[in-house]
Amino acid sequence: MSKDPILYDLVLLLSTSADEEARAKLVDDVESMIVAADGVVSRKQAWGQRPTTYRINHQTEADYHLLQFTGPTSLLESLSHNLRIADAVLRFRIIKVVPGTPEAPDSAPPVLAGATGVSSVPEGEAA
């Protein structure tokens, strides 16, 4: 009985204050780490700058990326470690895709109507 490789989704929220070259290099480095660990990147999507639901490190927007990949479980720990210490990463999440989960969409999910990010009014002050 052959065991199918495990598919993972990696969602990256990168800081918009980092320059575009640094963000692109970080995504390329993540891909290189996956390939170096005998993994395969099956999908790479750049969803662009989108508002965040709440402020993350005083930022209301992030550059969103989705990577789907297969690889050994040992890759997850090193990938998580490197993403935790990267300055350009606001948030990331690695999710195991279980059988029966619908495929990822071909494009970025829509920004909900009225979702303009976090209010620019400082905390404690009325709008």
C-alpha atoms as a PDB file:
ATOM      1  CA  MET A   1       0.000   0.000   0.000  1.00  0.00           C
ATOM      2  CA  SER A   2       1.589   3.258  -1.140  1.00  0.00           C
ATOM      3  CA  LYS A   3       1.134   6.266   1.048  1.00  0.00           C
ATOM      4  CA  ASP A   4       0.157   9.498  -0.705  1.00  0.00           C
ATOM      5  CA  PRO A   5       2.276  12.511   0.252  1.00  0.00           C
ATOM      6  CA  ILE A   6       0.654  14.913   2.684  1.00  0.00           C
ATOM      7  CA  LEU A   7      -0.512  18.197   1.168  1.00  0.00           C
ATOM      8  CA  TYR A   8      -0.072  21.411   3.167  1.00  0.00           C
ATOM      9  CA  ASP A   9      -1.331  24.967   2.704  1.00  0.00           C
ATOM     10  CA  LEU A  10       1.007  27.754   3.780  1.00  0.00           C
ATOM     11  CA  VAL A  11      -0.595  31.174   4.074  1.00  0.00           C
ATOM     12  CA  LEU A  12       1.871  34.042   4.469  1.00  0.00           C
ATOM     13  CA  LEU A  13       1.035  37.578   5.549  1.00  0.00           C
ATOM     14  CA  LEU A  14       4.035  39.719   4.738  1.00  0.00           C
ATOM     15  CA  SER A  15       4.678  43.233   5.967  1.00  0.00           C
ATOM     16  CA  THR A  16       3.938  45.967   3.453  1.00  0.00           C
ATOM     17  CA  SER A  17       6.652  48.071   5.100  1.00  0.00           C
ATOM     18  CA  ALA A  18       9.281  45.625   3.775  1.00  0.00           C
ATOM     19  CA  ASP A  19      10.304  46.442   0.221  1.00  0.00           C
ATOM     20  CA  GLU A  20       8.890  44.366  -2.613  1.00  0.00           C
ATOM     21  CA  GLU A  21      12.249  42.718  -3.381  1.00  0.00           C
ATOM     22  CA  ALA A  22      12.596  41.509   0.217  1.00  0.00           C
ATOM     23  CA  ARG A  23       9.084  40.027   0.168  1.00  0.00           C
ATOM     24  CA  ALA A  24       9.723  38.288  -3.176  1.00  0.00           C
ATOM     25  CA  LYS A  25      13.041  36.927  -1.875  1.00  0.00           C
ATOM     26  CA  LEU A  26      11.338  35.561   1.232  1.00  0.00           C
ATOM     27  CA  VAL A  27       8.736  33.693  -0.838  1.00  0.00           C
ATOM     28  CA  ASP A  28      11.515  32.336  -3.095  1.00  0.00           C
ATOM     29  CA  ASP A  29      13.504  31.248  -0.021  1.00  0.00           C
ATOM     30  CA  VAL A  30      10.472  29.375   1.325  1.00  0.00           C
ATOM     31  CA  GLU A  31      10.099  27.583  -2.012  1.00  0.00           C
ATOM     32  CA  SER A  32      13.809  26.708  -1.985  1.00  0.00           C
ATOM     33  CA  MET A  33      13.527  25.275   1.537  1.00  0.00           C
ATOM     34  CA  ILE A  34      10.604  23.088   0.469  1.00  0.00           C
ATOM     35  CA  VAL A  35      12.438  21.797  -2.616  1.00  0.00           C
ATOM     36  CA  ALA A  36      15.680  21.244  -0.653  1.00  0.00           C
ATOM     37  CA  ALA A  37      13.763  19.013   1.782  1.00  0.00           C
ATOM     38  CA  ASP A  38      12.504  16.851  -1.122  1.00  0.00           C
ATOM     39  CA  GLY A  39       9.166  18.634  -1.158  1.00  0.00           C
ATOM     40  CA  VAL A  40       7.182  19.844  -4.154  1.00  0.00           C
ATOM     41  CA  VAL A  41       5.382  23.187  -4.471  1.00  0.00           C
ATOM     42  CA  SER A  42       2.157  22.428  -6.329  1.00  0.00           C
ATOM     43  CA  ARG A  43       0.538  25.872  -6.159  1.00  0.00           C
ATOM     44  CA  LYS A  44       1.861  29.388  -5.620  1.00  0.00           C
ATOM     45  CA  GLN A  45      -0.502  32.342  -5.526  1.00  0.00           C
ATOM     46  CA  ALA A  46       0.193  35.966  -4.714  1.00  0.00           C
ATOM     47  CA  TRP A  47      -3.048  37.512  -3.484  1.00  0.00           C
ATOM     48  CA  GLY A  48      -1.588  41.010  -3.231  1.00  0.00           C
ATOM     49  CA  GLN A  49      -2.077  43.631  -0.565  1.00  0.00           C
ATOM     50  CA  ARG A  50      -5.292  43.202   1.372  1.00  0.00           C
ATOM     51  CA  PRO A  51      -6.666  44.685   4.591  1.00  0.00           C
ATOM     52  CA  THR A  52      -6.187  42.694   7.770  1.00  0.00           C
ATOM     53  CA  THR A  53      -9.061  42.067  10.158  1.00  0.00           C
ATOM     54  CA  TYR A  54      -7.121  43.646  13.004  1.00  0.00           C
ATOM     55  CA  ARG A  55      -3.819  45.452  13.437  1.00  0.00           C
ATOM     56  CA  ILE A  56      -0.756  43.251  13.378  1.00  0.00           C
ATOM     57  CA  ASN A  57       2.397  45.020  14.551  1.00  0.00           C
ATOM     58  CA  HIS A  58       0.651  48.386  13.976  1.00  0.00           C
ATOM     59  CA  GLN A  59      -0.121  47.511  10.341  1.00  0.00           C
ATOM     60  CA  THR A  60      -3.589  47.371   8.799  1.00  0.00           C
ATOM     61  CA  GLU A  61      -2.596  45.751   5.472  1.00  0.00           C
ATOM     62  CA  ALA A  62      -0.489  42.774   4.517  1.00  0.00           C
ATOM     63  CA  ASP A  63       0.815  41.155   1.336  1.00  0.00           C
ATOM     64  CA  TYR A  64      -0.931  37.748   1.189  1.00  0.00           C
ATOM     65  CA  HIS A  65       0.543  34.581  -0.379  1.00  0.00           C
ATOM     66  CA  LEU A  66      -0.683  30.985  -0.598  1.00  0.00           C
ATOM     67  CA  LEU A  67       1.676  28.077  -1.203  1.00  0.00           C
ATOM     68  CA  GLN A  68       0.472  24.473  -1.456  1.00  0.00           C
ATOM     69  CA  PHE A  69       3.198  21.905  -1.060  1.00  0.00           C
ATOM     70  CA  THR A  70       3.989  18.333  -0.178  1.00  0.00           C
ATOM     71  CA  GLY A  71       6.981  17.377   1.894  1.00  0.00           C
ATOM     72  CA  PRO A  72       8.236  15.471   4.901  1.00  0.00           C
ATOM     73  CA  THR A  73       6.906  16.417   8.320  1.00  0.00           C
ATOM     74  CA  SER A  74      10.440  17.316   9.401  1.00  0.00           C
ATOM     75  CA  LEU A  75      10.241  20.260   6.984  1.00  0.00           C
ATOM     76  CA  LEU A  76       7.427  21.869   8.967  1.00  0.00           C
ATOM     77  CA  GLU A  77       9.518  22.574  12.041  1.00  0.00           C
ATOM     78  CA  SER A  78      12.406  24.188  10.152  1.00  0.00           C
ATOM     79  CA  LEU A  79      10.006  26.151   7.949  1.00  0.00           C
ATOM     80  CA  SER A  80       8.089  27.404  10.992  1.00  0.00           C
ATOM     81  CA  HIS A  81      11.311  28.367  12.757  1.00  0.00           C
ATOM     82  CA  ASN A  82      12.589  30.390   9.812  1.00  0.00           C
ATOM     83  CA  LEU A  83       9.259  32.140   9.269  1.00  0.00           C
ATOM     84  CA  ARG A  84       8.987  33.043  12.976  1.00  0.00           C
ATOM     85  CA  ILE A  85      12.294  34.904  12.930  1.00  0.00           C
ATOM     86  CA  ALA A  86      11.877  36.612   9.538  1.00  0.00           C
ATOM     87  CA  ASP A  87      11.215  40.326  10.036  1.00  0.00           C
ATOM     88  CA  ALA A  88       9.001  40.638   6.955  1.00  0.00           C
ATOM     89  CA  VAL A  89       6.525  37.974   8.137  1.00  0.00           C
ATOM     90  CA  LEU A  90       3.550  39.342  10.074  1.00  0.00           C
ATOM     91  CA  ARG A  91       1.733  35.997  10.337  1.00  0.00           C
ATOM     92  CA  PHE A  92       1.855  32.558   8.765  1.00  0.00           C
ATOM     93  CA  ARG A  93      -0.135  29.381   9.073  1.00  0.00           C
ATOM     94  CA  ILE A  94       0.697  25.879   7.856  1.00  0.00           C
ATOM     95  CA  ILE A  95      -2.404  23.737   7.519  1.00  0.00           C
ATOM     96  CA  LYS A  96      -2.569  20.036   6.696  1.00  0.00           C
ATOM     97  CA  VAL A  97      -5.075  19.512   3.888  1.00  0.00           C
ATOM     98  CA  VAL A  98      -7.184  16.500   4.817  1.00  0.00           C
ATOM     99  CA  PRO A  99      -8.743  14.271   2.148  1.00  0.00           C
ATOM    100  CA  GLY A 100     -12.122  15.577   1.053  1.00  0.00           C
ATOM    101  CA  THR A 101     -11.185  19.230   1.511  1.00  0.00           C
ATOM    102  CA  PRO A 102     -12.186  21.316  -1.534  1.00  0.00           C
ATOM    103  CA  GLU A 103      -9.327  22.534  -3.709  1.00  0.00           C
ATOM    104  CA  ALA A 104      -7.976  26.017  -3.163  1.00  0.00           C
ATOM    105  CA  PRO A 105      -9.553  28.644  -5.418  1.00  0.00           C
ATOM    106  CA  ASP A 106      -7.725  29.730  -8.563  1.00  0.00           C
ATOM    107  CA  SER A 107      -7.794  33.348  -7.427  1.00  0.00           C
ATOM    108  CA  ALA A 108      -7.709  35.245  -4.177  1.00  0.00           C
ATOM    109  CA  PRO A 109     -10.882  35.244  -2.117  1.00  0.00           C
ATOM    110  CA  PRO A 110     -12.855  38.464  -2.512  1.00  0.00           C
ATOM    111  CA  VAL A 111     -12.457  41.288  -0.030  1.00  0.00           C
ATOM    112  CA  LEU A 112     -15.783  41.567   1.730  1.00  0.00           C
ATOM    113  CA  ALA A 113     -17.850  44.685   1.088  1.00  0.00           C
ATOM    114  CA  GLY A 114     -17.161  47.269   3.728  1.00  0.00           C
ATOM    115  CA  ALA A 115     -13.907  45.593   4.767  1.00  0.00           C
ATOM    116  CA  THR A 116     -11.528  48.497   4.632  1.00  0.00           C
ATOM    117  CA  GLY A 117      -9.163  47.254   7.251  1.00  0.00           C
ATOM    118  CA  VAL A 118      -8.849  48.465  10.784  1.00  0.00           C
ATOM    119  CA  SER A 119     -10.157  51.856  11.770  1.00  0.00           C
ATOM    120  CA  SER A 120      -7.525  54.571  11.783  1.00  0.00           C
ATOM    121  CA  VAL A 121      -9.038  56.092  14.926  1.00  0.00           C
ATOM    122  CA  PRO A 122      -6.660  55.569  17.864  1.00  0.00           C
ATOM    123  CA  GLU A 123      -7.887  53.298  20.612  1.00  0.00           C
ATOM    124  CA  GLY A 124      -9.898  55.055  23.306  1.00  0.00           C
ATOM    125  CA  GLU A 125     -11.084  57.879  21.026  1.00  0.00           C
ATOM    126  CA  ALA A 126     -14.569  58.106  19.576  1.00  0.00           C
ATOM    127  CA  ALA A 127     -14.980  58.174  15.783  1.00  0.00           C
END
